[in-house]
Amino acid sequence: MIEHERDAEDLDAEVADLEKAAEKVQEDIDDTKSDWESKKGDESVPGAAPDEDLGRDTFGDQEDVGG
């Protein structure tokens, strides 16, 4: 086998490995998103309040005066 053919095979194998790793990362992302969405609906999970509720207890409806 010619050297450039071996190099091409090595690159193909590396691409396959990277695709497999990318699929695993995407699965992890999807699982994490799903888990987070379920926790946002559970008031017993600290820090998982819906975005619209963040800061209201601490700051109320005060206007930002900037600085």
PDB file of N, CA and C in Angstrom:
ATOM      1  N   MET A   1       0.846  -1.169   0.000  1.00  0.00           N
ATOM      2  CA  MET A   1       0.000   0.000   0.000  1.00  0.00           C
ATOM      3  C   MET A   1       0.898   1.241   0.000  1.00  0.00           C
ATOM      4  N   ILE A   2       0.493   2.220  -0.741  1.00  0.00           N
ATOM      5  CA  ILE A   2       1.247   3.455  -0.857  1.00  0.00           C
ATOM      6  C   ILE A   2       1.014   4.307   0.393  1.00  0.00           C
ATOM      7  N   GLU A   3       2.041   5.076   0.747  1.00  0.00           N
ATOM      8  CA  GLU A   3       1.986   5.852   1.979  1.00  0.00           C
ATOM      9  C   GLU A   3       0.769   6.784   2.033  1.00  0.00           C
ATOM     10  N   HIS A   4       0.460   7.468   0.943  1.00  0.00           N
ATOM     11  CA  HIS A   4      -0.680   8.395   0.982  1.00  0.00           C
ATOM     12  C   HIS A   4      -2.009   7.657   1.152  1.00  0.00           C
ATOM     13  N   GLU A   5      -2.073   6.398   0.723  1.00  0.00           N
ATOM     14  CA  GLU A   5      -3.282   5.601   0.948  1.00  0.00           C
ATOM     15  C   GLU A   5      -3.431   5.264   2.429  1.00  0.00           C
ATOM     16  N   ARG A   6      -2.287   4.945   3.081  1.00  0.00           N
ATOM     17  CA  ARG A   6      -2.307   4.691   4.517  1.00  0.00           C
ATOM     18  C   ARG A   6      -2.720   5.954   5.266  1.00  0.00           C
ATOM     19  N   ASP A   7      -2.169   7.097   4.830  1.00  0.00           N
ATOM     20  CA  ASP A   7      -2.515   8.365   5.474  1.00  0.00           C
ATOM     21  C   ASP A   7      -4.019   8.637   5.335  1.00  0.00           C
ATOM     22  N   ALA A   8      -4.555   8.361   4.164  1.00  0.00           N
ATOM     23  CA  ALA A   8      -5.987   8.575   3.937  1.00  0.00           C
ATOM     24  C   ALA A   8      -6.813   7.654   4.836  1.00  0.00           C
ATOM     25  N   GLU A   9      -6.390   6.421   4.988  1.00  0.00           N
ATOM     26  CA  GLU A   9      -7.100   5.487   5.863  1.00  0.00           C
ATOM     27  C   GLU A   9      -7.028   5.945   7.319  1.00  0.00           C
ATOM     28  N   ASP A  10      -5.850   6.431   7.714  1.00  0.00           N
ATOM     29  CA  ASP A  10      -5.706   6.944   9.078  1.00  0.00           C
ATOM     30  C   ASP A  10      -6.631   8.139   9.300  1.00  0.00           C
ATOM     31  N   LEU A  11      -6.707   9.021   8.321  1.00  0.00           N
ATOM     32  CA  LEU A  11      -7.576  10.189   8.438  1.00  0.00           C
ATOM     33  C   LEU A  11      -9.046   9.772   8.475  1.00  0.00           C
ATOM     34  N   ASP A  12      -9.405   8.785   7.662  1.00  0.00           N
ATOM     35  CA  ASP A  12     -10.781   8.288   7.685  1.00  0.00           C
ATOM     36  C   ASP A  12     -11.131   7.717   9.065  1.00  0.00           C
ATOM     37  N   ALA A  13     -10.200   6.999   9.648  1.00  0.00           N
ATOM     38  CA  ALA A  13     -10.428   6.433  10.979  1.00  0.00           C
ATOM     39  C   ALA A  13     -10.557   7.548  12.018  1.00  0.00           C
ATOM     40  N   GLU A  14      -9.734   8.576  11.878  1.00  0.00           N
ATOM     41  CA  GLU A  14      -9.802   9.699  12.811  1.00  0.00           C
ATOM     42  C   GLU A  14     -11.140  10.433  12.668  1.00  0.00           C
ATOM     43  N   VAL A  15     -11.599  10.614  11.432  1.00  0.00           N
ATOM     44  CA  VAL A  15     -12.894  11.251  11.199  1.00  0.00           C
ATOM     45  C   VAL A  15     -14.008  10.426  11.856  1.00  0.00           C
ATOM     46  N   ALA A  16     -13.960   9.136  11.700  1.00  0.00           N
ATOM     47  CA  ALA A  16     -14.972   8.259  12.305  1.00  0.00           C
ATOM     48  C   ALA A  16     -14.953   8.390  13.829  1.00  0.00           C
ATOM     49  N   ASP A  17     -13.759   8.442  14.411  1.00  0.00           N
ATOM     50  CA  ASP A  17     -13.640   8.602  15.863  1.00  0.00           C
ATOM     51  C   ASP A  17     -14.214   9.945  16.314  1.00  0.00           C
ATOM     52  N   LEU A  18     -13.919  11.001  15.551  1.00  0.00           N
ATOM     53  CA  LEU A  18     -14.421  12.327  15.910  1.00  0.00           C
ATOM     54  C   LEU A  18     -15.937  12.403  15.768  1.00  0.00           C
ATOM     55  N   GLU A  19     -16.480  11.770  14.748  1.00  0.00           N
ATOM     56  CA  GLU A  19     -17.930  11.749  14.575  1.00  0.00           C
ATOM     57  C   GLU A  19     -18.607  11.014  15.729  1.00  0.00           C
ATOM     58  N   LYS A  20     -17.993   9.915  16.143  1.00  0.00           N
ATOM     59  CA  LYS A  20     -18.529   9.139  17.268  1.00  0.00           C
ATOM     60  C   LYS A  20     -18.490   9.977  18.550  1.00  0.00           C
ATOM     61  N   ALA A  21     -17.384  10.681  18.760  1.00  0.00           N
ATOM     62  CA  ALA A  21     -17.252  11.538  19.941  1.00  0.00           C
ATOM     63  C   ALA A  21     -18.260  12.686  19.882  1.00  0.00           C
ATOM     64  N   ALA A  22     -18.468  13.256  18.702  1.00  0.00           N
ATOM     65  CA  ALA A  22     -19.435  14.345  18.542  1.00  0.00           C
ATOM     66  C   ALA A  22     -20.847  13.867  18.853  1.00  0.00           C
ATOM     67  N   GLU A  23     -21.179  12.663  18.438  1.00  0.00           N
ATOM     68  CA  GLU A  23     -22.494  12.099  18.739  1.00  0.00           C
ATOM     69  C   GLU A  23     -22.674  11.935  20.244  1.00  0.00           C
ATOM     70  N   LYS A  24     -21.623  11.483  20.919  1.00  0.00           N
ATOM     71  CA  LYS A  24     -21.677  11.299  22.369  1.00  0.00           C
ATOM     72  C   LYS A  24     -21.864  12.647  23.069  1.00  0.00           C
ATOM     73  N   VAL A  25     -21.146  13.660  22.609  1.00  0.00           N
ATOM     74  CA  VAL A  25     -21.285  14.994  23.199  1.00  0.00           C
ATOM     75  C   VAL A  25     -22.705  15.507  22.984  1.00  0.00           C
ATOM     76  N   GLN A  26     -23.256  15.316  21.791  1.00  0.00           N
ATOM     77  CA  GLN A  26     -24.622  15.765  21.507  1.00  0.00           C
ATOM     78  C   GLN A  26     -25.626  15.039  22.393  1.00  0.00           C
ATOM     79  N   GLU A  27     -25.425  13.754  22.606  1.00  0.00           N
ATOM     80  CA  GLU A  27     -26.302  13.007  23.509  1.00  0.00           C
ATOM     81  C   GLU A  27     -26.227  13.577  24.923  1.00  0.00           C
ATOM     82  N   ASP A  28     -25.008  13.888  25.378  1.00  0.00           N
ATOM     83  CA  ASP A  28     -24.832  14.473  26.709  1.00  0.00           C
ATOM     84  C   ASP A  28     -25.537  15.828  26.803  1.00  0.00           C
ATOM     85  N   ILE A  29     -25.418  16.640  25.755  1.00  0.00           N
ATOM     86  CA  ILE A  29     -26.081  17.941  25.735  1.00  0.00           C
ATOM     87  C   ILE A  29     -27.590  17.763  25.801  1.00  0.00           C
ATOM     88  N   ASP A  30     -28.116  16.861  24.994  1.00  0.00           N
ATOM     89  CA  ASP A  30     -29.559  16.617  24.977  1.00  0.00           C
ATOM     90  C   ASP A  30     -30.054  16.113  26.335  1.00  0.00           C
ATOM     91  N   ASP A  31     -29.307  15.201  26.941  1.00  0.00           N
ATOM     92  CA  ASP A  31     -29.686  14.682  28.261  1.00  0.00           C
ATOM     93  C   ASP A  31     -29.669  15.786  29.309  1.00  0.00           C
ATOM     94  N   THR A  32     -28.647  16.627  29.257  1.00  0.00           N
ATOM     95  CA  THR A  32     -28.521  17.721  30.216  1.00  0.00           C
ATOM     96  C   THR A  32     -29.648  18.731  30.045  1.00  0.00           C
ATOM     97  N   LYS A  33     -29.971  19.071  28.794  1.00  0.00           N
ATOM     98  CA  LYS A  33     -31.083  19.998  28.547  1.00  0.00           C
ATOM     99  C   LYS A  33     -32.384  19.427  29.083  1.00  0.00           C
ATOM    100  N   SER A  34     -32.623  18.164  28.814  1.00  0.00           N
ATOM    101  CA  SER A  34     -33.845  17.516  29.281  1.00  0.00           C
ATOM    102  C   SER A  34     -33.914  17.530  30.809  1.00  0.00           C
ATOM    103  N   ASP A  35     -32.802  17.199  31.445  1.00  0.00           N
ATOM    104  CA  ASP A  35     -32.729  17.188  32.900  1.00  0.00           C
ATOM    105  C   ASP A  35     -32.986  18.585  33.453  1.00  0.00           C
ATOM    106  N   TRP A  36     -32.377  19.590  32.852  1.00  0.00           N
ATOM    107  CA  TRP A  36     -32.530  20.964  33.321  1.00  0.00           C
ATOM    108  C   TRP A  36     -33.979  21.429  33.162  1.00  0.00           C
ATOM    109  N   GLU A  37     -34.593  21.115  32.030  1.00  0.00           N
ATOM    110  CA  GLU A  37     -35.980  21.512  31.817  1.00  0.00           C
ATOM    111  C   GLU A  37     -36.892  20.889  32.867  1.00  0.00           C
ATOM    112  N   SER A  38     -36.643  19.640  33.217  1.00  0.00           N
ATOM    113  CA  SER A  38     -37.479  19.000  34.230  1.00  0.00           C
ATOM    114  C   SER A  38     -37.232  19.620  35.604  1.00  0.00           C
ATOM    115  N   LYS A  39     -36.003  20.027  35.889  1.00  0.00           N
ATOM    116  CA  LYS A  39     -35.690  20.640  37.183  1.00  0.00           C
ATOM    117  C   LYS A  39     -36.260  22.053  37.290  1.00  0.00           C
ATOM    118  N   LYS A  40     -36.329  22.763  36.169  1.00  0.00           N
ATOM    119  CA  LYS A  40     -36.885  24.118  36.210  1.00  0.00           C
ATOM    120  C   LYS A  40     -38.340  24.105  36.636  1.00  0.00           C
ATOM    121  N   GLY A  41     -39.032  23.026  36.389  1.00  0.00           N
ATOM    122  CA  GLY A  41     -40.418  22.910  36.787  1.00  0.00           C
ATOM    123  C   GLY A  41     -40.602  22.437  38.223  1.00  0.00           C
ATOM    124  N   ASP A  42     -39.519  22.106  38.901  1.00  0.00           N
ATOM    125  CA  ASP A  42     -39.580  21.590  40.264  1.00  0.00           C
ATOM    126  C   ASP A  42     -39.098  22.668  41.227  1.00  0.00           C
ATOM    127  N   GLU A  43     -40.015  23.233  42.000  1.00  0.00           N
ATOM    128  CA  GLU A  43     -39.656  24.318  42.917  1.00  0.00           C
ATOM    129  C   GLU A  43     -38.712  23.881  44.031  1.00  0.00           C
ATOM    130  N   SER A  44     -38.573  22.592  44.253  1.00  0.00           N
ATOM    131  CA  SER A  44     -37.691  22.123  45.317  1.00  0.00           C
ATOM    132  C   SER A  44     -36.227  22.092  44.892  1.00  0.00           C
ATOM    133  N   VAL A  45     -35.944  22.371  43.620  1.00  0.00           N
ATOM    134  CA  VAL A  45     -34.566  22.362  43.127  1.00  0.00           C
ATOM    135  C   VAL A  45     -34.004  23.785  43.222  1.00  0.00           C
ATOM    136  N   PRO A  46     -33.020  24.000  44.112  1.00  0.00           N
ATOM    137  CA  PRO A  46     -32.450  25.337  44.270  1.00  0.00           C
ATOM    138  C   PRO A  46     -31.820  25.844  42.971  1.00  0.00           C
ATOM    139  N   GLY A  47     -32.094  27.109  42.645  1.00  0.00           N
ATOM    140  CA  GLY A  47     -31.483  27.721  41.472  1.00  0.00           C
ATOM    141  C   GLY A  47     -32.143  27.373  40.159  1.00  0.00           C
ATOM    142  N   ALA A  48     -33.230  26.643  40.194  1.00  0.00           N
ATOM    143  CA  ALA A  48     -33.860  26.222  38.949  1.00  0.00           C
ATOM    144  C   ALA A  48     -35.142  26.994  38.670  1.00  0.00           C
ATOM    145  N   ALA A  49     -35.240  28.193  39.231  1.00  0.00           N
ATOM    146  CA  ALA A  49     -36.434  29.009  38.998  1.00  0.00           C
ATOM    147  C   ALA A  49     -36.505  29.415  37.537  1.00  0.00           C
ATOM    148  N   PRO A  50     -37.697  29.567  37.012  1.00  0.00           N
ATOM    149  CA  PRO A  50     -37.828  30.063  35.632  1.00  0.00           C
ATOM    150  C   PRO A  50     -37.155  31.427  35.488  1.00  0.00           C
ATOM    151  N   ASP A  51     -36.639  31.725  34.325  1.00  0.00           N
ATOM    152  CA  ASP A  51     -35.887  32.951  34.089  1.00  0.00           C
ATOM    153  C   ASP A  51     -36.646  34.206  34.500  1.00  0.00           C
ATOM    154  N   GLU A  52     -37.950  34.242  34.255  1.00  0.00           N
ATOM    155  CA  GLU A  52     -38.709  35.448  34.572  1.00  0.00           C
ATOM    156  C   GLU A  52     -38.787  35.712  36.071  1.00  0.00           C
ATOM    157  N   ASP A  53     -38.507  34.706  36.915  1.00  0.00           N
ATOM    158  CA  ASP A  53     -38.556  34.882  38.359  1.00  0.00           C
ATOM    159  C   ASP A  53     -37.219  35.307  38.963  1.00  0.00           C
ATOM    160  N   LEU A  54     -36.163  35.246  38.216  1.00  0.00           N
ATOM    161  CA  LEU A  54     -34.847  35.540  38.758  1.00  0.00           C
ATOM    162  C   LEU A  54     -34.734  36.993  39.203  1.00  0.00           C
ATOM    163  N   GLY A  55     -34.287  37.200  40.416  1.00  0.00           N
ATOM    164  CA  GLY A  55     -33.997  38.529  40.919  1.00  0.00           C
ATOM    165  C   GLY A  55     -35.175  39.260  41.523  1.00  0.00           C
ATOM    166  N   ARG A  56     -36.369  38.804  41.339  1.00  0.00           N
ATOM    167  CA  ARG A  56     -37.527  39.532  41.861  1.00  0.00           C
ATOM    168  C   ARG A  56     -37.555  39.536  43.381  1.00  0.00           C
ATOM    169  N   ASP A  57     -37.188  38.428  44.009  1.00  0.00           N
ATOM    170  CA  ASP A  57     -37.207  38.379  45.465  1.00  0.00           C
ATOM    171  C   ASP A  57     -36.178  39.319  46.068  1.00  0.00           C
ATOM    172  N   THR A  58     -35.060  39.460  45.416  1.00  0.00           N
ATOM    173  CA  THR A  58     -33.976  40.275  45.936  1.00  0.00           C
ATOM    174  C   THR A  58     -34.156  41.747  45.591  1.00  0.00           C
ATOM    175  N   PHE A  59     -34.526  42.033  44.354  1.00  0.00           N
ATOM    176  CA  PHE A  59     -34.541  43.401  43.872  1.00  0.00           C
ATOM    177  C   PHE A  59     -35.932  43.968  43.634  1.00  0.00           C
ATOM    178  N   GLY A  60     -36.944  43.134  43.702  1.00  0.00           N
ATOM    179  CA  GLY A  60     -38.304  43.602  43.450  1.00  0.00           C
ATOM    180  C   GLY A  60     -38.432  44.119  42.031  1.00  0.00           C
ATOM    181  N   ASP A  61     -39.279  45.093  41.856  1.00  0.00           N
ATOM    182  CA  ASP A  61     -39.475  45.674  40.528  1.00  0.00           C
ATOM    183  C   ASP A  61     -38.779  47.015  40.407  1.00  0.00           C
ATOM    184  N   GLN A  62     -37.689  47.213  41.125  1.00  0.00           N
ATOM    185  CA  GLN A  62     -36.958  48.479  41.096  1.00  0.00           C
ATOM    186  C   GLN A  62     -36.394  48.739  39.718  1.00  0.00           C
ATOM    187  N   GLU A  63     -36.365  49.988  39.396  1.00  0.00           N
ATOM    188  CA  GLU A  63     -35.815  50.395  38.101  1.00  0.00           C
ATOM    189  C   GLU A  63     -34.298  50.452  38.206  1.00  0.00           C
ATOM    190  N   ASP A  64     -33.611  50.026  37.157  1.00  0.00           N
ATOM    191  CA  ASP A  64     -32.148  50.076  37.116  1.00  0.00           C
ATOM    192  C   ASP A  64     -31.714  51.528  36.947  1.00  0.00           C
ATOM    193  N   VAL A  65     -30.951  52.037  37.938  1.00  0.00           N
ATOM    194  CA  VAL A  65     -30.511  53.432  37.868  1.00  0.00           C
ATOM    195  C   VAL A  65     -29.171  53.580  37.186  1.00  0.00           C
ATOM    196  N   GLY A  66     -28.480  52.470  36.953  1.00  0.00           N
ATOM    197  CA  GLY A  66     -27.199  52.525  36.238  1.00  0.00           C
ATOM    198  C   GLY A  66     -26.155  53.306  37.007  1.00  0.00           C
ATOM    199  N   GLY A  67     -25.015  53.476  36.350  1.00  0.00           N
ATOM    200  CA  GLY A  67     -23.987  54.206  37.086  1.00  0.00           C
ATOM    201  C   GLY A  67     -22.834  54.583  36.265  1.00  0.00           C
TER     202      GLY A  67
END
